[in-house]
Amino acid sequence: MALAMLLVVAALRWADPRIVSTIRLRGFDLEQQFAPRVYRSSPVRIVAIDDQSLRRVGQWPWPRAQVAQLVDRIAAGAPAVMGVDIIFAEPDRF
């Protein structure tokens, strides 16, 4: 009997119908209201190009020299690792 119940619960979780996902997500929200996770600072920093930067520097794509300056400024902080998720598919228009 217990094995059958376990299989039914596992099948419901795997299929994740709307009612199950709604209950699961609302339960998680309720848990976070009563016992929120304690904030811990992370050593990971993400540098994103935001609207303020676009207003100041100009429309994307920026000249490669501008992107290089940004990478140099980030590298000056001596990060252990730096990844850049930008594709330069076309020649620089500048």
Protein backbone atom coordinates (compact mmCIF):
# COMPACT_ATOMS: atom_id res chain seq x y z
CA MET A 1 0.00 0.00 0.00
CA ALA A 2 2.79 2.43 0.94
CA LEU A 3 4.67 1.65 -2.27
CA ALA A 4 1.54 2.28 -4.36
CA MET A 5 0.99 5.62 -2.62
CA LEU A 6 4.64 6.56 -3.16
CA LEU A 7 4.34 5.73 -6.87
CA VAL A 8 1.16 7.83 -7.20
CA VAL A 9 2.81 10.81 -5.49
CA ALA A 10 5.95 10.43 -7.62
CA ALA A 11 3.85 10.23 -10.81
CA LEU A 12 1.90 13.37 -9.83
CA ARG A 13 5.12 15.23 -9.10
CA TRP A 14 6.68 14.10 -12.37
CA ALA A 15 3.59 15.06 -14.43
CA ASP A 16 3.26 18.29 -12.41
CA PRO A 17 -0.33 19.15 -13.36
CA ARG A 18 -1.44 22.73 -12.76
CA ILE A 19 -3.16 21.97 -9.42
CA VAL A 20 -0.05 20.24 -8.07
CA SER A 21 2.30 23.02 -9.20
CA THR A 22 -0.04 25.67 -7.75
CA ILE A 23 -0.14 23.91 -4.38
CA ARG A 24 3.63 23.41 -4.44
CA LEU A 25 4.39 27.04 -5.32
CA ARG A 26 1.90 28.49 -2.83
CA GLY A 27 3.30 26.20 -0.16
CA PHE A 28 6.79 27.49 -0.89
CA ASP A 29 5.58 31.12 -0.74
CA LEU A 30 3.91 30.42 2.62
CA GLU A 31 7.07 28.78 3.95
CA GLN A 32 9.15 31.80 2.92
CA GLN A 33 6.74 34.16 4.71
CA PHE A 34 6.97 32.23 7.99
CA ALA A 35 10.62 31.22 7.86
CA PRO A 36 12.46 33.14 5.14
CA ARG A 37 15.89 32.00 4.12
CA VAL A 38 18.66 33.97 5.76
CA TYR A 39 20.51 36.21 3.30
CA ARG A 40 24.16 35.33 2.85
CA SER A 41 26.44 37.39 0.69
CA SER A 42 27.75 35.55 -2.33
CA PRO A 43 31.21 35.99 -3.85
CA VAL A 44 29.57 36.00 -7.31
CA ARG A 45 28.97 39.37 -8.95
CA ILE A 46 27.13 39.90 -12.20
CA VAL A 47 27.85 43.01 -14.25
CA ALA A 48 24.87 43.75 -16.46
CA ILE A 49 24.29 46.44 -19.03
CA ASP A 50 21.30 48.34 -17.68
CA ASP A 51 19.09 51.14 -19.02
CA GLN A 52 21.14 53.82 -17.25
CA SER A 53 24.31 52.57 -18.97
CA LEU A 54 22.55 52.54 -22.33
CA ARG A 55 21.43 56.16 -21.82
CA ARG A 56 24.95 57.20 -20.80
CA VAL A 57 27.03 55.23 -23.33
CA GLY A 58 24.53 54.79 -26.15
CA GLN A 59 22.58 52.14 -27.98
CA TRP A 60 23.77 48.53 -28.00
CA PRO A 61 25.94 47.16 -29.57
CA TRP A 62 28.67 49.31 -28.12
CA PRO A 63 31.97 49.75 -29.92
CA ARG A 64 34.41 46.97 -29.12
CA ALA A 65 36.78 49.51 -27.58
CA GLN A 66 34.02 50.45 -25.09
CA VAL A 67 33.42 46.79 -24.22
CA ALA A 68 37.19 46.33 -23.81
CA GLN A 69 37.27 49.25 -21.34
CA LEU A 70 34.46 47.62 -19.38
CA VAL A 71 36.33 44.31 -19.29
CA ASP A 72 39.51 46.12 -18.19
CA ARG A 73 37.64 47.83 -15.32
CA ILE A 74 36.20 44.51 -14.17
CA ALA A 75 39.63 42.84 -14.46
CA ALA A 76 41.13 45.61 -12.30
CA GLY A 77 39.11 44.17 -9.42
CA ALA A 78 41.17 40.96 -9.74
CA PRO A 79 38.29 38.48 -10.12
CA ALA A 80 39.14 34.80 -9.82
CA VAL A 81 37.13 34.13 -12.97
CA MET A 82 35.44 36.37 -15.51
CA GLY A 83 33.05 35.21 -18.22
CA VAL A 84 31.69 37.37 -21.02
CA ASP A 85 28.41 36.31 -22.63
CA ILE A 86 28.50 38.49 -25.75
CA ILE A 87 28.56 37.38 -29.38
CA PHE A 88 30.26 39.72 -31.83
CA ALA A 89 28.58 38.29 -34.93
CA GLU A 90 29.18 41.27 -37.21
CA PRO A 91 32.07 43.61 -37.83
CA ASP A 92 32.29 46.63 -35.54
CA ARG A 93 30.43 49.53 -37.17
CA PHE A 94 32.96 51.95 -35.67
